[in-house]
């Protein structure tokens, strides 16, 4: 979980100072990113937004898919979302000082705004999109994407459901491969 979380903040082979398990999480995250970017359903979702958002469409779809996962959490996990998110925050907070600076900053942000739990609400997604838009100084217009979520929710949720089934299967396979090393 830790390696998966910090993977976006680790460039190249800068993972070498981490434990084997964290390295496996980093590798798994990279495999999942590659799988996701190439998946036909994800590409279909991105095309729905591409005209308006161009190369930001992938970031927006990632956020929308997080929304669908959180919104439908009980379908995918027997652990209630609130219990799960609190356990994740506790773990990350306990090891934060050992992680890359960007990861530490994001952990603080996640906990302060209860991001993982609030992904299940459109208001939570709107806050994330507004924050992302601010980071691009308004260039991305991601703040407008909440409108697209409302307009395309049914289609995008269908895309997510199909994709997520494939992702779970892929992740189990890759996890087994990585942990057999």
C-alpha atoms as a PDB file:
ATOM      1  CA  UNK A   1       0.000   0.000   0.000  1.00  0.00           C
ATOM      2  CA  UNK A   2       2.795   2.431   0.905  1.00  0.00           C
ATOM      3  CA  UNK A   3       4.748   1.776  -2.280  1.00  0.00           C
ATOM      4  CA  UNK A   4       1.627   2.130  -4.365  1.00  0.00           C
ATOM      5  CA  UNK A   5       0.860   5.449  -2.669  1.00  0.00           C
ATOM      6  CA  UNK A   6       4.322   7.007  -3.079  1.00  0.00           C
ATOM      7  CA  UNK A   7       4.978   5.662  -6.596  1.00  0.00           C
ATOM      8  CA  UNK A   8       4.065   8.914  -8.361  1.00  0.00           C
ATOM      9  CA  UNK A   9       6.650  10.715  -6.212  1.00  0.00           C
ATOM     10  CA  UNK A  10       9.481   8.287  -7.039  1.00  0.00           C
ATOM     11  CA  UNK A  11      11.340   8.899 -10.300  1.00  0.00           C
ATOM     12  CA  UNK A  12      13.320   6.288 -12.185  1.00  0.00           C
ATOM     13  CA  UNK A  13      15.117   3.905  -9.869  1.00  0.00           C
ATOM     14  CA  UNK A  14      15.032   6.179  -6.808  1.00  0.00           C
ATOM     15  CA  UNK A  15      13.127   3.371  -5.074  1.00  0.00           C
ATOM     16  CA  UNK A  16      16.293   1.518  -4.137  1.00  0.00           C
ATOM     17  CA  UNK A  17      16.418   2.888  -0.573  1.00  0.00           C
ATOM     18  CA  UNK A  18      13.039   1.391   0.278  1.00  0.00           C
ATOM     19  CA  UNK A  19      12.215  -2.082   1.572  1.00  0.00           C
ATOM     20  CA  UNK A  20      11.441  -4.905  -0.850  1.00  0.00           C
ATOM     21  CA  UNK A  21       7.721  -4.661  -0.044  1.00  0.00           C
ATOM     22  CA  UNK A  22       7.581  -0.927  -0.736  1.00  0.00           C
ATOM     23  CA  UNK A  23       9.499  -1.451  -3.977  1.00  0.00           C
ATOM     24  CA  UNK A  24       6.952  -4.090  -4.992  1.00  0.00           C
ATOM     25  CA  UNK A  25       4.180  -1.556  -4.331  1.00  0.00           C
ATOM     26  CA  UNK A  26       5.951   0.994  -6.526  1.00  0.00           C
ATOM     27  CA  UNK A  27       6.339  -1.572  -9.322  1.00  0.00           C
ATOM     28  CA  UNK A  28       2.692  -2.618  -8.966  1.00  0.00           C
ATOM     29  CA  UNK A  29       1.562   1.001  -9.205  1.00  0.00           C
ATOM     30  CA  UNK A  30       3.586   1.463 -12.384  1.00  0.00           C
ATOM     31  CA  UNK A  31       2.088  -1.701 -13.885  1.00  0.00           C
ATOM     32  CA  UNK A  32      -1.418  -0.502 -12.993  1.00  0.00           C
ATOM     33  CA  UNK A  33      -0.741   2.904 -14.593  1.00  0.00           C
ATOM     34  CA  UNK A  34       0.418   1.234 -17.811  1.00  0.00           C
ATOM     35  CA  UNK A  35      -2.554  -1.134 -17.840  1.00  0.00           C
ATOM     36  CA  UNK A  36      -4.995   1.711 -17.166  1.00  0.00           C
ATOM     37  CA  UNK A  37      -3.579   4.015 -19.839  1.00  0.00           C
ATOM     38  CA  UNK A  38      -3.845   1.277 -22.471  1.00  0.00           C
ATOM     39  CA  UNK A  39      -7.300  -0.028 -21.483  1.00  0.00           C
ATOM     40  CA  UNK A  40      -9.950   0.451 -24.172  1.00  0.00           C
ATOM     41  CA  UNK A  41     -12.675   1.382 -21.679  1.00  0.00           C
ATOM     42  CA  UNK A  42     -10.518   4.065 -20.034  1.00  0.00           C
ATOM     43  CA  UNK A  43      -9.736   5.453 -23.481  1.00  0.00           C
ATOM     44  CA  UNK A  44     -13.464   5.488 -24.228  1.00  0.00           C
ATOM     45  CA  UNK A  45     -14.094   7.448 -21.012  1.00  0.00           C
ATOM     46  CA  UNK A  46     -11.322   9.905 -21.861  1.00  0.00           C
ATOM     47  CA  UNK A  47     -12.755  10.488 -25.356  1.00  0.00           C
ATOM     48  CA  UNK A  48     -15.996  11.626 -23.724  1.00  0.00           C
ATOM     49  CA  UNK A  49     -14.050  14.529 -22.164  1.00  0.00           C
ATOM     50  CA  UNK A  50     -11.198  15.103 -24.586  1.00  0.00           C
ATOM     51  CA  UNK A  51     -12.683  17.917 -26.653  1.00  0.00           C
ATOM     52  CA  UNK A  52     -13.153  20.106 -23.584  1.00  0.00           C
ATOM     53  CA  UNK A  53     -10.106  19.170 -21.502  1.00  0.00           C
ATOM     54  CA  UNK A  54      -7.505  17.823 -23.938  1.00  0.00           C
ATOM     55  CA  UNK A  55      -4.558  16.217 -22.129  1.00  0.00           C
ATOM     56  CA  UNK A  56      -6.226  16.744 -18.735  1.00  0.00           C
ATOM     57  CA  UNK A  57      -8.911  14.193 -19.643  1.00  0.00           C
ATOM     58  CA  UNK A  58      -6.917  11.346 -18.065  1.00  0.00           C
ATOM     59  CA  UNK A  59      -6.526  13.146 -14.742  1.00  0.00           C
ATOM     60  CA  UNK A  60     -10.233  13.908 -14.674  1.00  0.00           C
ATOM     61  CA  UNK A  61     -11.208  10.329 -15.502  1.00  0.00           C
ATOM     62  CA  UNK A  62      -8.905   9.114 -12.725  1.00  0.00           C
ATOM     63  CA  UNK A  63     -10.728  11.385 -10.268  1.00  0.00           C
ATOM     64  CA  UNK A  64     -14.138  10.317 -11.597  1.00  0.00           C
ATOM     65  CA  UNK A  65     -13.176   6.654 -11.256  1.00  0.00           C
ATOM     66  CA  UNK A  66     -12.117   7.352  -7.650  1.00  0.00           C
ATOM     67  CA  UNK A  67     -15.598   8.802  -7.127  1.00  0.00           C
ATOM     68  CA  UNK A  68     -17.286   5.680  -8.517  1.00  0.00           C
ATOM     69  CA  UNK A  69     -15.098   3.421  -6.391  1.00  0.00           C
ATOM     70  CA  UNK A  70     -15.848   5.363  -3.195  1.00  0.00           C
ATOM     71  CA  UNK A  71     -19.538   5.761  -4.040  1.00  0.00           C
ATOM     72  CA  UNK A  72     -19.878   2.007  -4.593  1.00  0.00           C
ATOM     73  CA  UNK A  73     -17.359   0.967  -1.944  1.00  0.00           C
ATOM     74  CA  UNK A  74     -19.672  -1.584  -0.298  1.00  0.00           C
ATOM     75  CA  UNK A  75     -19.793  -3.496  -3.595  1.00  0.00           C
ATOM     76  CA  UNK A  76     -16.034  -3.997  -3.530  1.00  0.00           C
ATOM     77  CA  UNK A  77     -15.162  -4.298   0.165  1.00  0.00           C
ATOM     78  CA  UNK A  78     -16.712  -5.681   3.329  1.00  0.00           C
ATOM     79  CA  UNK A  79     -14.811  -3.041   5.331  1.00  0.00           C
ATOM     80  CA  UNK A  80     -16.869   0.169   5.606  1.00  0.00           C
ATOM     81  CA  UNK A  81     -15.288   3.092   3.746  1.00  0.00           C
ATOM     82  CA  UNK A  82     -15.001   5.201   6.896  1.00  0.00           C
ATOM     83  CA  UNK A  83     -13.148   2.428   8.748  1.00  0.00           C
ATOM     84  CA  UNK A  84     -10.884   1.774   5.773  1.00  0.00           C
ATOM     85  CA  UNK A  85      -9.971   5.424   5.221  1.00  0.00           C
ATOM     86  CA  UNK A  86      -9.195   5.972   8.905  1.00  0.00           C
ATOM     87  CA  UNK A  87      -6.883   2.950   8.909  1.00  0.00           C
ATOM     88  CA  UNK A  88      -5.118   4.231   5.780  1.00  0.00           C
ATOM     89  CA  UNK A  89      -4.672   7.688   7.322  1.00  0.00           C
ATOM     90  CA  UNK A  90      -3.303   6.161  10.545  1.00  0.00           C
ATOM     91  CA  UNK A  91      -0.792   4.036   8.636  1.00  0.00           C
ATOM     92  CA  UNK A  92       0.367   6.845   6.366  1.00  0.00           C
ATOM     93  CA  UNK A  93       0.585   9.348   9.210  1.00  0.00           C
ATOM     94  CA  UNK A  94       2.715   6.925  11.256  1.00  0.00           C
ATOM     95  CA  UNK A  95       5.347   6.578   8.513  1.00  0.00           C
ATOM     96  CA  UNK A  96       5.023   9.969   6.846  1.00  0.00           C
ATOM     97  CA  UNK A  97       8.445  11.234   7.919  1.00  0.00           C
ATOM     98  CA  UNK A  98      10.113   8.339   6.060  1.00  0.00           C
ATOM     99  CA  UNK A  99       8.429   9.166   2.745  1.00  0.00           C
ATOM    100  CA  UNK A 100       9.222  11.630  -0.046  1.00  0.00           C
ATOM    101  CA  UNK A 101       8.333  15.272   0.700  1.00  0.00           C
ATOM    102  CA  UNK A 102       5.543  15.338  -1.890  1.00  0.00           C
ATOM    103  CA  UNK A 103       4.015  12.223  -0.332  1.00  0.00           C
ATOM    104  CA  UNK A 104       4.213  13.822   3.125  1.00  0.00           C
ATOM    105  CA  UNK A 105       2.415  16.914   1.839  1.00  0.00           C
ATOM    106  CA  UNK A 106      -0.274  14.852   0.175  1.00  0.00           C
ATOM    107  CA  UNK A 107      -0.805  12.754   3.318  1.00  0.00           C
ATOM    108  CA  UNK A 108      -1.419  15.929   5.306  1.00  0.00           C
ATOM    109  CA  UNK A 109      -3.844  17.193   2.663  1.00  0.00           C
ATOM    110  CA  UNK A 110      -5.663  13.812   2.513  1.00  0.00           C
ATOM    111  CA  UNK A 111      -6.103  13.676   6.262  1.00  0.00           C
ATOM    112  CA  UNK A 112      -6.997  17.349   6.747  1.00  0.00           C
ATOM    113  CA  UNK A 113      -9.716  17.185   4.103  1.00  0.00           C
ATOM    114  CA  UNK A 114     -10.626  13.491   4.543  1.00  0.00           C
ATOM    115  CA  UNK A 115     -10.175  13.119   0.807  1.00  0.00           C
ATOM    116  CA  UNK A 116     -10.516   9.345   0.536  1.00  0.00           C
ATOM    117  CA  UNK A 117     -13.829   9.346   2.380  1.00  0.00           C
ATOM    118  CA  UNK A 118     -15.155  12.451   0.623  1.00  0.00           C
ATOM    119  CA  UNK A 119     -14.488  11.020  -2.840  1.00  0.00           C
ATOM    120  CA  UNK A 120     -17.918   9.373  -2.572  1.00  0.00           C
ATOM    121  CA  UNK A 121     -19.627  12.779  -2.746  1.00  0.00           C
ATOM    122  CA  UNK A 122     -19.828  15.089  -5.733  1.00  0.00           C
ATOM    123  CA  UNK A 123     -18.980  17.969  -3.384  1.00  0.00           C
ATOM    124  CA  UNK A 124     -15.737  16.174  -2.519  1.00  0.00           C
ATOM    125  CA  UNK A 125     -14.938  15.637  -6.185  1.00  0.00           C
ATOM    126  CA  UNK A 126     -15.733  19.284  -6.938  1.00  0.00           C
ATOM    127  CA  UNK A 127     -13.203  20.374  -4.286  1.00  0.00           C
ATOM    128  CA  UNK A 128     -10.536  18.141  -5.791  1.00  0.00           C
ATOM    129  CA  UNK A 129     -11.273  19.416  -9.307  1.00  0.00           C
ATOM    130  CA  UNK A 130     -11.205  23.030  -8.103  1.00  0.00           C
ATOM    131  CA  UNK A 131      -7.863  22.406  -6.418  1.00  0.00           C
ATOM    132  CA  UNK A 132      -6.427  20.804  -9.543  1.00  0.00           C
ATOM    133  CA  UNK A 133      -7.685  23.708 -11.644  1.00  0.00           C
ATOM    134  CA  UNK A 134      -6.017  26.170  -9.293  1.00  0.00           C
ATOM    135  CA  UNK A 135      -2.736  24.272  -9.602  1.00  0.00           C
ATOM    136  CA  UNK A 136      -2.902  24.751 -13.372  1.00  0.00           C
ATOM    137  CA  UNK A 137      -3.745  28.434 -12.832  1.00  0.00           C
ATOM    138  CA  UNK A 138      -7.127  27.878 -14.513  1.00  0.00           C
ATOM    139  CA  UNK A 139      -5.622  26.527 -17.738  1.00  0.00           C
ATOM    140  CA  UNK A 140      -7.107  23.033 -17.312  1.00  0.00           C
ATOM    141  CA  UNK A 141     -10.663  24.200 -16.582  1.00  0.00           C
ATOM    142  CA  UNK A 142     -10.999  21.064 -14.438  1.00  0.00           C
ATOM    143  CA  UNK A 143     -13.370  22.964 -12.182  1.00  0.00           C
ATOM    144  CA  UNK A 144     -15.961  22.618 -14.960  1.00  0.00           C
ATOM    145  CA  UNK A 145     -15.661  18.826 -15.044  1.00  0.00           C
ATOM    146  CA  UNK A 146     -18.157  18.405 -12.204  1.00  0.00           C
ATOM    147  CA  UNK A 147     -20.798  19.416 -14.780  1.00  0.00           C
ATOM    148  CA  UNK A 148     -19.591  16.638 -17.067  1.00  0.00           C
ATOM    149  CA  UNK A 149     -19.761  14.166 -14.206  1.00  0.00           C
ATOM    150  CA  UNK A 150     -23.419  15.031 -13.708  1.00  0.00           C
ATOM    151  CA  UNK A 151     -24.191  14.874 -17.429  1.00  0.00           C
ATOM    152  CA  UNK A 152     -22.280  11.664 -18.134  1.00  0.00           C
ATOM    153  CA  UNK A 153     -22.543   9.881 -14.803  1.00  0.00           C
ATOM    154  CA  UNK A 154     -24.432   6.839 -16.066  1.00  0.00           C
ATOM    155  CA  UNK A 155     -22.105   6.214 -19.022  1.00  0.00           C
ATOM    156  CA  UNK A 156     -18.942   6.859 -17.034  1.00  0.00           C
ATOM    157  CA  UNK A 157     -20.075   4.652 -14.173  1.00  0.00           C
ATOM    158  CA  UNK A 158     -20.754   1.832 -16.636  1.00  0.00           C
ATOM    159  CA  UNK A 159     -17.233   2.343 -18.038  1.00  0.00           C
ATOM    160  CA  UNK A 160     -15.766   2.276 -14.539  1.00  0.00           C
ATOM    161  CA  UNK A 161     -17.596  -0.913 -13.567  1.00  0.00           C
ATOM    162  CA  UNK A 162     -16.307  -2.802 -16.599  1.00  0.00           C
ATOM    163  CA  UNK A 163     -12.790  -1.419 -16.235  1.00  0.00           C
ATOM    164  CA  UNK A 164     -12.606  -2.069 -12.505  1.00  0.00           C
ATOM    165  CA  UNK A 165     -13.428  -5.756 -12.947  1.00  0.00           C
ATOM    166  CA  UNK A 166     -10.528  -6.023 -15.392  1.00  0.00           C
ATOM    167  CA  UNK A 167      -8.282  -4.009 -13.088  1.00  0.00           C
ATOM    168  CA  UNK A 168      -8.951  -6.266 -10.097  1.00  0.00           C
ATOM    169  CA  UNK A 169      -8.060  -9.340 -12.147  1.00  0.00           C
ATOM    170  CA  UNK A 170      -4.930  -7.694 -13.561  1.00  0.00           C
ATOM    171  CA  UNK A 171      -3.813  -6.430 -10.146  1.00  0.00           C
ATOM    172  CA  UNK A 172      -4.172  -9.842  -8.507  1.00  0.00           C
ATOM    173  CA  UNK A 173      -2.086 -11.402 -11.272  1.00  0.00           C
ATOM    174  CA  UNK A 174       0.639  -8.710 -11.113  1.00  0.00           C
ATOM    175  CA  UNK A 175       0.687  -8.768  -7.311  1.00  0.00           C
ATOM    176  CA  UNK A 176       1.276 -12.522  -7.374  1.00  0.00           C
ATOM    177  CA  UNK A 177       4.044 -12.128  -9.962  1.00  0.00           C
ATOM    178  CA  UNK A 178       5.767  -9.376  -7.983  1.00  0.00           C
ATOM    179  CA  UNK A 179       5.573 -11.128  -4.633  1.00  0.00           C
ATOM    180  CA  UNK A 180       6.896 -14.398  -6.080  1.00  0.00           C
ATOM    181  CA  UNK A 181      10.189 -12.671  -6.942  1.00  0.00           C
END
